[in-house]
Amino acid sequence: DRTWIDKNGSRHVIAWTVVALRDAAGTT
């Protein structure tokens, strides 16, 4: 979870799913 502040100054809790995209060698 991360908190973002919108253009009006209100706070929003954002639930993120983060995935690493790798090349053929396995490097992110």
mmCIF file of all heavy atoms, coordinates in Angstrom:
data_MODEL
# 
_entry.id   MODEL 
# 
loop_
_atom_site.group_PDB 
_atom_site.id 
_atom_site.type_symbol 
_atom_site.label_atom_id 
_atom_site.label_alt_id 
_atom_site.label_comp_id 
_atom_site.label_asym_id 
_atom_site.label_entity_id 
_atom_site.label_seq_id 
_atom_site.pdbx_PDB_ins_code 
_atom_site.Cartn_x 
_atom_site.Cartn_y 
_atom_site.Cartn_z 
_atom_site.occupancy 
_atom_site.B_iso_or_equiv 
_atom_site.pdbx_formal_charge 
_atom_site.auth_seq_id 
_atom_site.auth_comp_id 
_atom_site.auth_asym_id 
_atom_site.auth_atom_id 
_atom_site.pdbx_PDB_model_num 
ATOM 1   N N   . ASP A 1 1  ? 0.842   -1.195  0.000   1.00 0.00 ? 1  ASP A N   1 
ATOM 2   C CA  . ASP A 1 1  ? 0.000   0.000   0.000   1.00 0.00 ? 1  ASP A CA  1 
ATOM 3   C C   . ASP A 1 1  ? 0.879   1.248   0.000   1.00 0.00 ? 1  ASP A C   1 
ATOM 4   O O   . ASP A 1 1  ? 1.895   1.300   0.695   1.00 0.00 ? 1  ASP A O   1 
ATOM 5   C CB  . ASP A 1 1  ? -0.910  0.034   1.236   1.00 0.00 ? 1  ASP A CB  1 
ATOM 6   C CG  . ASP A 1 1  ? -2.076  -0.932  1.135   1.00 0.00 ? 1  ASP A CG  1 
ATOM 7   O OD1 . ASP A 1 1  ? -2.183  -1.630  0.108   1.00 0.00 ? 1  ASP A OD1 1 
ATOM 8   O OD2 . ASP A 1 1  ? -2.877  -0.999  2.087   1.00 0.00 ? 1  ASP A OD2 1 
ATOM 9   N N   . ARG A 1 2  ? 0.473   2.245   -0.763  1.00 0.00 ? 2  ARG A N   1 
ATOM 10  C CA  . ARG A 1 2  ? 1.142   3.539   -0.767  1.00 0.00 ? 2  ARG A CA  1 
ATOM 11  C C   . ARG A 1 2  ? 0.070   4.634   -0.749  1.00 0.00 ? 2  ARG A C   1 
ATOM 12  O O   . ARG A 1 2  ? -1.019  4.451   -1.282  1.00 0.00 ? 2  ARG A O   1 
ATOM 13  C CB  . ARG A 1 2  ? 2.035   3.715   -2.003  1.00 0.00 ? 2  ARG A CB  1 
ATOM 14  C CG  . ARG A 1 2  ? 3.246   2.795   -2.021  1.00 0.00 ? 2  ARG A CG  1 
ATOM 15  C CD  . ARG A 1 2  ? 4.301   3.248   -1.030  1.00 0.00 ? 2  ARG A CD  1 
ATOM 16  N NE  . ARG A 1 2  ? 5.485   2.400   -1.075  1.00 0.00 ? 2  ARG A NE  1 
ATOM 17  C CZ  . ARG A 1 2  ? 5.806   1.524   -0.165  1.00 0.00 ? 2  ARG A CZ  1 
ATOM 18  N NH1 . ARG A 1 2  ? 5.005   1.342   0.879   1.00 0.00 ? 2  ARG A NH1 1 
ATOM 19  N NH2 . ARG A 1 2  ? 6.909   0.799   -0.248  1.00 0.00 ? 2  ARG A NH2 1 
ATOM 20  N N   . THR A 1 3  ? 0.415   5.773   -0.148  1.00 0.00 ? 3  THR A N   1 
ATOM 21  C CA  . THR A 1 3  ? -0.512  6.900   -0.079  1.00 0.00 ? 3  THR A CA  1 
ATOM 22  C C   . THR A 1 3  ? -0.124  7.949   -1.117  1.00 0.00 ? 3  THR A C   1 
ATOM 23  O O   . THR A 1 3  ? 1.030   8.372   -1.175  1.00 0.00 ? 3  THR A O   1 
ATOM 24  C CB  . THR A 1 3  ? -0.491  7.536   1.322   1.00 0.00 ? 3  THR A CB  1 
ATOM 25  O OG1 . THR A 1 3  ? -0.867  6.541   2.290   1.00 0.00 ? 3  THR A OG1 1 
ATOM 26  C CG2 . THR A 1 3  ? -1.478  8.697   1.406   1.00 0.00 ? 3  THR A CG2 1 
ATOM 27  N N   . TRP A 1 4  ? -1.124  8.339   -1.930  1.00 0.00 ? 4  TRP A N   1 
ATOM 28  C CA  . TRP A 1 4  ? -0.940  9.419   -2.905  1.00 0.00 ? 4  TRP A CA  1 
ATOM 29  C C   . TRP A 1 4  ? -1.807  10.595  -2.491  1.00 0.00 ? 4  TRP A C   1 
ATOM 30  O O   . TRP A 1 4  ? -2.883  10.410  -1.907  1.00 0.00 ? 4  TRP A O   1 
ATOM 31  C CB  . TRP A 1 4  ? -1.341  8.964   -4.310  1.00 0.00 ? 4  TRP A CB  1 
ATOM 32  C CG  . TRP A 1 4  ? -0.317  8.124   -5.020  1.00 0.00 ? 4  TRP A CG  1 
ATOM 33  C CD1 . TRP A 1 4  ? 0.661   7.363   -4.452  1.00 0.00 ? 4  TRP A CD1 1 
ATOM 34  C CD2 . TRP A 1 4  ? -0.199  7.952   -6.434  1.00 0.00 ? 4  TRP A CD2 1 
ATOM 35  N NE1 . TRP A 1 4  ? 1.385   6.719   -5.407  1.00 0.00 ? 4  TRP A NE1 1 
ATOM 36  C CE2 . TRP A 1 4  ? 0.895   7.057   -6.647  1.00 0.00 ? 4  TRP A CE2 1 
ATOM 37  C CE3 . TRP A 1 4  ? -0.881  8.432   -7.527  1.00 0.00 ? 4  TRP A CE3 1 
ATOM 38  C CZ2 . TRP A 1 4  ? 1.296   6.670   -7.909  1.00 0.00 ? 4  TRP A CZ2 1 
ATOM 39  C CZ3 . TRP A 1 4  ? -0.496  8.050   -8.792  1.00 0.00 ? 4  TRP A CZ3 1 
ATOM 40  C CH2 . TRP A 1 4  ? 0.595   7.174   -8.987  1.00 0.00 ? 4  TRP A CH2 1 
ATOM 41  N N   . ILE A 1 5  ? -1.354  11.787  -2.822  1.00 0.00 ? 5  ILE A N   1 
ATOM 42  C CA  . ILE A 1 5  ? -2.117  13.008  -2.562  1.00 0.00 ? 5  ILE A CA  1 
ATOM 43  C C   . ILE A 1 5  ? -2.662  13.513  -3.903  1.00 0.00 ? 5  ILE A C   1 
ATOM 44  O O   . ILE A 1 5  ? -1.892  13.744  -4.840  1.00 0.00 ? 5  ILE A O   1 
ATOM 45  C CB  . ILE A 1 5  ? -1.238  14.086  -1.908  1.00 0.00 ? 5  ILE A CB  1 
ATOM 46  C CG1 . ILE A 1 5  ? -0.656  13.551  -0.589  1.00 0.00 ? 5  ILE A CG1 1 
ATOM 47  C CG2 . ILE A 1 5  ? -2.040  15.357  -1.657  1.00 0.00 ? 5  ILE A CG2 1 
ATOM 48  C CD1 . ILE A 1 5  ? 0.337   14.487  0.062   1.00 0.00 ? 5  ILE A CD1 1 
ATOM 49  N N   . ASP A 1 6  ? -3.989  13.645  -4.009  1.00 0.00 ? 6  ASP A N   1 
ATOM 50  C CA  . ASP A 1 6  ? -4.561  14.052  -5.293  1.00 0.00 ? 6  ASP A CA  1 
ATOM 51  C C   . ASP A 1 6  ? -4.419  15.555  -5.520  1.00 0.00 ? 6  ASP A C   1 
ATOM 52  O O   . ASP A 1 6  ? -3.888  16.287  -4.675  1.00 0.00 ? 6  ASP A O   1 
ATOM 53  C CB  . ASP A 1 6  ? -6.020  13.597  -5.413  1.00 0.00 ? 6  ASP A CB  1 
ATOM 54  C CG  . ASP A 1 6  ? -6.963  14.325  -4.452  1.00 0.00 ? 6  ASP A CG  1 
ATOM 55  O OD1 . ASP A 1 6  ? -6.583  15.383  -3.923  1.00 0.00 ? 6  ASP A OD1 1 
ATOM 56  O OD2 . ASP A 1 6  ? -8.081  13.826  -4.246  1.00 0.00 ? 6  ASP A OD2 1 
ATOM 57  N N   . LYS A 1 7  ? -4.903  15.999  -6.659  1.00 0.00 ? 7  LYS A N   1 
ATOM 58  C CA  . LYS A 1 7  ? -4.731  17.402  -7.052  1.00 0.00 ? 7  LYS A CA  1 
ATOM 59  C C   . LYS A 1 7  ? -5.487  18.356  -6.144  1.00 0.00 ? 7  LYS A C   1 
ATOM 60  O O   . LYS A 1 7  ? -5.212  19.566  -6.128  1.00 0.00 ? 7  LYS A O   1 
ATOM 61  C CB  . LYS A 1 7  ? -5.178  17.595  -8.496  1.00 0.00 ? 7  LYS A CB  1 
ATOM 62  C CG  . LYS A 1 7  ? -6.579  17.071  -8.782  1.00 0.00 ? 7  LYS A CG  1 
ATOM 63  C CD  . LYS A 1 7  ? -6.870  17.056  -10.269 1.00 0.00 ? 7  LYS A CD  1 
ATOM 64  C CE  . LYS A 1 7  ? -8.202  16.382  -10.554 1.00 0.00 ? 7  LYS A CE  1 
ATOM 65  N NZ  . LYS A 1 7  ? -8.456  16.297  -12.013 1.00 0.00 ? 7  LYS A NZ  1 
ATOM 66  N N   . ASN A 1 8  ? -6.448  17.814  -5.347  1.00 0.00 ? 8  ASN A N   1 
ATOM 67  C CA  . ASN A 1 8  ? -7.198  18.646  -4.407  1.00 0.00 ? 8  ASN A CA  1 
ATOM 68  C C   . ASN A 1 8  ? -6.635  18.594  -2.989  1.00 0.00 ? 8  ASN A C   1 
ATOM 69  O O   . ASN A 1 8  ? -7.186  19.193  -2.070  1.00 0.00 ? 8  ASN A O   1 
ATOM 70  C CB  . ASN A 1 8  ? -8.664  18.227  -4.390  1.00 0.00 ? 8  ASN A CB  1 
ATOM 71  C CG  . ASN A 1 8  ? -9.326  18.406  -5.743  1.00 0.00 ? 8  ASN A CG  1 
ATOM 72  O OD1 . ASN A 1 8  ? -9.122  19.428  -6.408  1.00 0.00 ? 8  ASN A OD1 1 
ATOM 73  N ND2 . ASN A 1 8  ? -10.106 17.410  -6.166  1.00 0.00 ? 8  ASN A ND2 1 
ATOM 74  N N   . GLY A 1 9  ? -5.559  17.824  -2.802  1.00 0.00 ? 9  GLY A N   1 
ATOM 75  C CA  . GLY A 1 9  ? -4.931  17.713  -1.488  1.00 0.00 ? 9  GLY A CA  1 
ATOM 76  C C   . GLY A 1 9  ? -5.446  16.577  -0.630  1.00 0.00 ? 9  GLY A C   1 
ATOM 77  O O   . GLY A 1 9  ? -4.985  16.408  0.505   1.00 0.00 ? 9  GLY A O   1 
ATOM 78  N N   . SER A 1 10 ? -6.389  15.784  -1.157  1.00 0.00 ? 10 SER A N   1 
ATOM 79  C CA  . SER A 1 10 ? -6.917  14.645  -0.399  1.00 0.00 ? 10 SER A CA  1 
ATOM 80  C C   . SER A 1 10 ? -5.985  13.441  -0.532  1.00 0.00 ? 10 SER A C   1 
ATOM 81  O O   . SER A 1 10 ? -5.350  13.251  -1.575  1.00 0.00 ? 10 SER A O   1 
ATOM 82  C CB  . SER A 1 10 ? -8.323  14.268  -0.901  1.00 0.00 ? 10 SER A CB  1 
ATOM 83  O OG  . SER A 1 10 ? -9.214  15.346  -0.736  1.00 0.00 ? 10 SER A OG  1 
ATOM 84  N N   . ARG A 1 11 ? -5.939  12.634  0.517   1.00 0.00 ? 11 ARG A N   1 
ATOM 85  C CA  . ARG A 1 11 ? -5.075  11.457  0.522   1.00 0.00 ? 11 ARG A CA  1 
ATOM 86  C C   . ARG A 1 11 ? -5.843  10.230  0.042   1.00 0.00 ? 11 ARG A C   1 
ATOM 87  O O   . ARG A 1 11 ? -6.998  10.034  0.411   1.00 0.00 ? 11 ARG A O   1 
ATOM 88  C CB  . ARG A 1 11 ? -4.502  11.209  1.918   1.00 0.00 ? 11 ARG A CB  1 
ATOM 89  C CG  . ARG A 1 11 ? -3.576  12.320  2.391   1.00 0.00 ? 11 ARG A CG  1 
ATOM 90  C CD  . ARG A 1 11 ? -2.806  11.916  3.624   1.00 0.00 ? 11 ARG A CD  1 
ATOM 91  N NE  . ARG A 1 11 ? -1.803  12.910  3.989   1.00 0.00 ? 11 ARG A NE  1 
ATOM 92  C CZ  . ARG A 1 11 ? -0.744  12.672  4.727   1.00 0.00 ? 11 ARG A CZ  1 
ATOM 93  N NH1 . ARG A 1 11 ? -0.538  11.447  5.208   1.00 0.00 ? 11 ARG A NH1 1 
ATOM 94  N NH2 . ARG A 1 11 ? 0.122   13.631  5.013   1.00 0.00 ? 11 ARG A NH2 1 
ATOM 95  N N   . HIS A 1 12 ? -5.161  9.398   -0.736  1.00 0.00 ? 12 HIS A N   1 
ATOM 96  C CA  . HIS A 1 12 ? -5.747  8.161   -1.255  1.00 0.00 ? 12 HIS A CA  1 
ATOM 97  C C   . HIS A 1 12 ? -4.795  7.005   -0.969  1.00 0.00 ? 12 HIS A C   1 
ATOM 98  O O   . HIS A 1 12 ? -3.584  7.120   -1.217  1.00 0.00 ? 12 HIS A O   1 
ATOM 99  C CB  . HIS A 1 12 ? -5.981  8.261   -2.763  1.00 0.00 ? 12 HIS A CB  1 
ATOM 100 C CG  . HIS A 1 12 ? -6.998  9.280   -3.163  1.00 0.00 ? 12 HIS A CG  1 
ATOM 101 N ND1 . HIS A 1 12 ? -8.286  8.942   -3.536  1.00 0.00 ? 12 HIS A ND1 1 
ATOM 102 C CD2 . HIS A 1 12 ? -6.923  10.636  -3.216  1.00 0.00 ? 12 HIS A CD2 1 
ATOM 103 C CE1 . HIS A 1 12 ? -8.945  10.048  -3.825  1.00 0.00 ? 12 HIS A CE1 1 
ATOM 104 N NE2 . HIS A 1 12 ? -8.146  11.095  -3.639  1.00 0.00 ? 12 HIS A NE2 1 
ATOM 105 N N   . VAL A 1 13 ? -5.348  5.916   -0.473  1.00 0.00 ? 13 VAL A N   1 
ATOM 106 C CA  . VAL A 1 13 ? -4.549  4.705   -0.265  1.00 0.00 ? 13 VAL A CA  1 
ATOM 107 C C   . VAL A 1 13 ? -4.629  3.866   -1.540  1.00 0.00 ? 13 VAL A C   1 
ATOM 108 O O   . VAL A 1 13 ? -5.724  3.489   -1.977  1.00 0.00 ? 13 VAL A O   1 
ATOM 109 C CB  . VAL A 1 13 ? -5.064  3.887   0.936   1.00 0.00 ? 13 VAL A CB  1 
ATOM 110 C CG1 . VAL A 1 13 ? -4.224  2.620   1.116   1.00 0.00 ? 13 VAL A CG1 1 
ATOM 111 C CG2 . VAL A 1 13 ? -5.034  4.725   2.203   1.00 0.00 ? 13 VAL A CG2 1 
ATOM 112 N N   . ILE A 1 14 ? -3.480  3.607   -2.133  1.00 0.00 ? 14 ILE A N   1 
ATOM 113 C CA  . ILE A 1 14 ? -3.413  2.830   -3.367  1.00 0.00 ? 14 ILE A CA  1 
ATOM 114 C C   . ILE A 1 14 ? -2.790  1.477   -3.062  1.00 0.00 ? 14 ILE A C   1 
ATOM 115 O O   . ILE A 1 14 ? -1.684  1.406   -2.514  1.00 0.00 ? 14 ILE A O   1 
ATOM 116 C CB  . ILE A 1 14 ? -2.575  3.545   -4.449  1.00 0.00 ? 14 ILE A CB  1 
ATOM 117 C CG1 . ILE A 1 14 ? -2.996  5.008   -4.583  1.00 0.00 ? 14 ILE A CG1 1 
ATOM 118 C CG2 . ILE A 1 14 ? -2.702  2.805   -5.772  1.00 0.00 ? 14 ILE A CG2 1 
ATOM 119 C CD1 . ILE A 1 14 ? -4.429  5.209   -4.996  1.00 0.00 ? 14 ILE A CD1 1 
ATOM 120 N N   . ALA A 1 15 ? -3.506  0.412   -3.388  1.00 0.00 ? 15 ALA A N   1 
ATOM 121 C CA  . ALA A 1 15 ? -2.982  -0.948  -3.217  1.00 0.00 ? 15 ALA A CA  1 
ATOM 122 C C   . ALA A 1 15 ? -2.297  -1.351  -4.519  1.00 0.00 ? 15 ALA A C   1 
ATOM 123 O O   . ALA A 1 15 ? -2.949  -1.461  -5.562  1.00 0.00 ? 15 ALA A O   1 
ATOM 124 C CB  . ALA A 1 15 ? -4.112  -1.912  -2.875  1.00 0.00 ? 15 ALA A CB  1 
ATOM 125 N N   . TRP A 1 16 ? -0.986  -1.568  -4.454  1.00 0.00 ? 16 TRP A N   1 
ATOM 126 C CA  . TRP A 1 16 ? -0.188  -1.880  -5.642  1.00 0.00 ? 16 TRP A CA  1 
ATOM 127 C C   . TRP A 1 16 ? 0.214   -3.350  -5.672  1.00 0.00 ? 16 TRP A C   1 
ATOM 128 O O   . TRP A 1 16 ? 0.503   -3.942  -4.642  1.00 0.00 ? 16 TRP A O   1 
ATOM 129 C CB  . TRP A 1 16 ? 1.085   -1.032  -5.668  1.00 0.00 ? 16 TRP A CB  1 
ATOM 130 C CG  . TRP A 1 16 ? 0.858   0.431   -5.881  1.00 0.00 ? 16 TRP A CG  1 
ATOM 131 C CD1 . TRP A 1 16 ? 0.813   1.397   -4.925  1.00 0.00 ? 16 TRP A CD1 1 
ATOM 132 C CD2 . TRP A 1 16 ? 0.634   1.084   -7.127  1.00 0.00 ? 16 TRP A CD2 1 
ATOM 133 N NE1 . TRP A 1 16 ? 0.574   2.629   -5.500  1.00 0.00 ? 16 TRP A NE1 1 
ATOM 134 C CE2 . TRP A 1 16 ? 0.461   2.457   -6.853  1.00 0.00 ? 16 TRP A CE2 1 
ATOM 135 C CE3 . TRP A 1 16 ? 0.572   0.640   -8.460  1.00 0.00 ? 16 TRP A CE3 1 
ATOM 136 C CZ2 . TRP A 1 16 ? 0.230   3.396   -7.859  1.00 0.00 ? 16 TRP A CZ2 1 
ATOM 137 C CZ3 . TRP A 1 16 ? 0.340   1.571   -9.450  1.00 0.00 ? 16 TRP A CZ3 1 
ATOM 138 C CH2 . TRP A 1 16 ? 0.181   2.928   -9.158  1.00 0.00 ? 16 TRP A CH2 1 
ATOM 139 N N   . THR A 1 17 ? 0.225   -3.904  -6.875  1.00 0.00 ? 17 THR A N   1 
ATOM 140 C CA  . THR A 1 17 ? 0.863   -5.191  -7.140  1.00 0.00 ? 17 THR A CA  1 
ATOM 141 C C   . THR A 1 17 ? 2.012   -4.917  -8.103  1.00 0.00 ? 17 THR A C   1 
ATOM 142 O O   . THR A 1 17 ? 1.784   -4.449  -9.227  1.00 0.00 ? 17 THR A O   1 
ATOM 143 C CB  . THR A 1 17 ? -0.120  -6.196  -7.756  1.00 0.00 ? 17 THR A CB  1 
ATOM 144 O OG1 . THR A 1 17 ? -1.205  -6.416  -6.853  1.00 0.00 ? 17 THR A OG1 1 
ATOM 145 C CG2 . THR A 1 17 ? 0.576   -7.527  -8.025  1.00 0.00 ? 17 THR A CG2 1 
ATOM 146 N N   . VAL A 1 18 ? 3.238   -5.173  -7.663  1.00 0.00 ? 18 VAL A N   1 
ATOM 147 C CA  . VAL A 1 18 ? 4.424   -4.842  -8.448  1.00 0.00 ? 18 VAL A CA  1 
ATOM 148 C C   . VAL A 1 18 ? 5.063   -6.131  -8.965  1.00 0.00 ? 18 VAL A C   1 
ATOM 149 O O   . VAL A 1 18 ? 5.321   -7.058  -8.189  1.00 0.00 ? 18 VAL A O   1 
ATOM 150 C CB  . VAL A 1 18 ? 5.439   -4.036  -7.606  1.00 0.00 ? 18 VAL A CB  1 
ATOM 151 C CG1 . VAL A 1 18 ? 6.647   -3.659  -8.453  1.00 0.00 ? 18 VAL A CG1 1 
ATOM 152 C CG2 . VAL A 1 18 ? 4.771   -2.787  -7.031  1.00 0.00 ? 18 VAL A CG2 1 
ATOM 153 N N   . VAL A 1 19 ? 5.331   -6.150  -10.265 1.00 0.00 ? 19 VAL A N   1 
ATOM 154 C CA  . VAL A 1 19 ? 5.932   -7.325  -10.914 1.00 0.00 ? 19 VAL A CA  1 
ATOM 155 C C   . VAL A 1 19 ? 7.210   -6.905  -11.618 1.00 0.00 ? 19 VAL A C   1 
ATOM 156 O O   . VAL A 1 19 ? 7.249   -5.861  -12.293 1.00 0.00 ? 19 VAL A O   1 
ATOM 157 C CB  . VAL A 1 19 ? 4.958   -7.954  -11.932 1.00 0.00 ? 19 VAL A CB  1 
ATOM 158 C CG1 . VAL A 1 19 ? 5.603   -9.169  -12.603 1.00 0.00 ? 19 VAL A CG1 1 
ATOM 159 C CG2 . VAL A 1 19 ? 3.660   -8.360  -11.255 1.00 0.00 ? 19 VAL A CG2 1 
ATOM 160 N N   . ALA A 1 20 ? 8.255   -7.701  -11.472 1.00 0.00 ? 20 ALA A N   1 
ATOM 161 C CA  . ALA A 1 20 ? 9.530   -7.440  -12.164 1.00 0.00 ? 20 ALA A CA  1 
ATOM 162 C C   . ALA A 1 20 ? 9.486   -8.076  -13.549 1.00 0.00 ? 20 ALA A C   1 
ATOM 163 O O   . ALA A 1 20 ? 9.190   -9.266  -13.687 1.00 0.00 ? 20 ALA A O   1 
ATOM 164 C CB  . ALA A 1 20 ? 10.692  -7.993  -11.348 1.00 0.00 ? 20 ALA A CB  1 
ATOM 165 N N   . LEU A 1 21 ? 9.774   -7.281  -14.581 1.00 0.00 ? 21 LEU A N   1 
ATOM 166 C CA  . LEU A 1 21 ? 9.817   -7.773  -15.962 1.00 0.00 ? 21 LEU A CA  1 
ATOM 167 C C   . LEU A 1 21 ? 11.281  -8.012  -16.337 1.00 0.00 ? 21 LEU A C   1 
ATOM 168 O O   . LEU A 1 21 ? 12.096  -7.084  -16.313 1.00 0.00 ? 21 LEU A O   1 
ATOM 169 C CB  . LEU A 1 21 ? 9.170   -6.753  -16.904 1.00 0.00 ? 21 LEU A CB  1 
ATOM 170 C CG  . LEU A 1 21 ? 9.026   -7.164  -18.368 1.00 0.00 ? 21 LEU A CG  1 
ATOM 171 C CD1 . LEU A 1 21 ? 8.093   -8.371  -18.487 1.00 0.00 ? 21 LEU A CD1 1 
ATOM 172 C CD2 . LEU A 1 21 ? 8.502   -6.001  -19.205 1.00 0.00 ? 21 LEU A CD2 1 
ATOM 173 N N   . ARG A 1 22 ? 11.610  -9.265  -16.683 1.00 0.00 ? 22 ARG A N   1 
ATOM 174 C CA  . ARG A 1 22 ? 13.002  -9.639  -16.931 1.00 0.00 ? 22 ARG A CA  1 
ATOM 175 C C   . ARG A 1 22 ? 13.273  -9.900  -18.417 1.00 0.00 ? 22 ARG A C   1 
ATOM 176 O O   . ARG A 1 22 ? 12.366  -10.294 -19.166 1.00 0.00 ? 22 ARG A O   1 
ATOM 177 C CB  . ARG A 1 22 ? 13.357  -10.881 -16.112 1.00 0.00 ? 22 ARG A CB  1 
ATOM 178 C CG  . ARG A 1 22 ? 13.436  -10.600 -14.621 1.00 0.00 ? 22 ARG A CG  1 
ATOM 179 C CD  . ARG A 1 22 ? 13.720  -11.868 -13.824 1.00 0.00 ? 22 ARG A CD  1 
ATOM 180 N NE  . ARG A 1 22 ? 14.112  -11.527 -12.463 1.00 0.00 ? 22 ARG A NE  1 
ATOM 181 C CZ  . ARG A 1 22 ? 13.246  -11.190 -11.518 1.00 0.00 ? 22 ARG A CZ  1 
ATOM 182 N NH1 . ARG A 1 22 ? 11.945  -11.178 -11.788 1.00 0.00 ? 22 ARG A NH1 1 
ATOM 183 N NH2 . ARG A 1 22 ? 13.668  -10.874 -10.310 1.00 0.00 ? 22 ARG A NH2 1 
ATOM 184 N N   . ASP A 1 23 ? 14.544  -9.702  -18.800 1.00 0.00 ? 23 ASP A N   1 
ATOM 185 C CA  . ASP A 1 23 ? 14.947  -10.000 -20.173 1.00 0.00 ? 23 ASP A CA  1 
ATOM 186 C C   . ASP A 1 23 ? 15.339  -11.468 -20.283 1.00 0.00 ? 23 ASP A C   1 
ATOM 187 O O   . ASP A 1 23 ? 15.204  -12.245 -19.319 1.00 0.00 ? 23 ASP A O   1 
ATOM 188 C CB  . ASP A 1 23 ? 16.088  -9.072  -20.613 1.00 0.00 ? 23 ASP A CB  1 
ATOM 189 C CG  . ASP A 1 23 ? 17.324  -9.177  -19.716 1.00 0.00 ? 23 ASP A CG  1 
ATOM 190 O OD1 . ASP A 1 23 ? 17.468  -10.221 -19.027 1.00 0.00 ? 23 ASP A OD1 1 
ATOM 191 O OD2 . ASP A 1 23 ? 18.139  -8.237  -19.697 1.00 0.00 ? 23 ASP A OD2 1 
ATOM 192 N N   . ALA A 1 24 ? 15.848  -11.853 -21.445 1.00 0.00 ? 24 ALA A N   1 
ATOM 193 C CA  . ALA A 1 24 ? 16.184  -13.260 -21.685 1.00 0.00 ? 24 ALA A CA  1 
ATOM 194 C C   . ALA A 1 24 ? 17.279  -13.764 -20.751 1.00 0.00 ? 24 ALA A C   1 
ATOM 195 O O   . ALA A 1 24 ? 17.353  -14.956 -20.437 1.00 0.00 ? 24 ALA A O   1 
ATOM 196 C CB  . ALA A 1 24 ? 16.623  -13.447 -23.138 1.00 0.00 ? 24 ALA A CB  1 
ATOM 197 N N   . ALA A 1 25 ? 18.105  -12.864 -20.282 1.00 0.00 ? 25 ALA A N   1 
ATOM 198 C CA  . ALA A 1 25 ? 19.188  -13.255 -19.382 1.00 0.00 ? 25 ALA A CA  1 
ATOM 199 C C   . ALA A 1 25 ? 18.746  -13.319 -17.927 1.00 0.00 ? 25 ALA A C   1 
ATOM 200 O O   . ALA A 1 25 ? 19.528  -13.682 -17.048 1.00 0.00 ? 25 ALA A O   1 
ATOM 201 C CB  . ALA A 1 25 ? 20.354  -12.272 -19.517 1.00 0.00 ? 25 ALA A CB  1 
ATOM 202 N N   . GLY A 1 26 ? 17.498  -12.945 -17.670 1.00 0.00 ? 26 GLY A N   1 
ATOM 203 C CA  . GLY A 1 26 ? 16.985  -12.988 -16.309 1.00 0.00 ? 26 GLY A CA  1 
ATOM 204 C C   . GLY A 1 26 ? 17.219  -11.714 -15.520 1.00 0.00 ? 26 GLY A C   1 
ATOM 205 O O   . GLY A 1 26 ? 16.952  -11.663 -14.313 1.00 0.00 ? 26 GLY A O   1 
ATOM 206 N N   . THR A 1 27 ? 17.705  -10.675 -16.199 1.00 0.00 ? 27 THR A N   1 
ATOM 207 C CA  . THR A 1 27 ? 17.957  -9.400  -15.535 1.00 0.00 ? 27 THR A CA  1 
ATOM 208 C C   . THR A 1 27 ? 16.703  -8.540  -15.555 1.00 0.00 ? 27 THR A C   1 
ATOM 209 O O   . THR A 1 27 ? 16.029  -8.446  -16.592 1.00 0.00 ? 27 THR A O   1 
ATOM 210 C CB  . THR A 1 27 ? 19.101  -8.641  -16.235 1.00 0.00 ? 27 THR A CB  1 
ATOM 211 O OG1 . THR A 1 27 ? 20.272  -9.459  -16.240 1.00 0.00 ? 27 THR A OG1 1 
ATOM 212 C CG2 . THR A 1 27 ? 19.399  -7.332  -15.512 1.00 0.00 ? 27 THR A CG2 1 
ATOM 213 N N   . THR A 1 28 ? 16.366  -7.938  -14.445 1.00 0.00 ? 28 THR A N   1 
ATOM 214 C CA  . THR A 1 28 ? 15.178  -7.103  -14.366 1.00 0.00 ? 28 THR A CA  1 
ATOM 215 C C   . THR A 1 28 ? 15.368  -5.831  -15.174 1.00 0.00 ? 28 THR A C   1 
ATOM 216 O O   . THR A 1 28 ? 16.315  -5.062  -14.943 1.00 0.00 ? 28 THR A O   1 
ATOM 217 C CB  . THR A 1 28 ? 14.854  -6.731  -12.903 1.00 0.00 ? 28 THR A CB  1 
ATOM 218 O OG1 . THR A 1 28 ? 14.604  -7.929  -12.177 1.00 0.00 ? 28 THR A OG1 1 
ATOM 219 C CG2 . THR A 1 28 ? 13.640  -5.826  -12.821 1.00 0.00 ? 28 THR A CG2 1 
# 
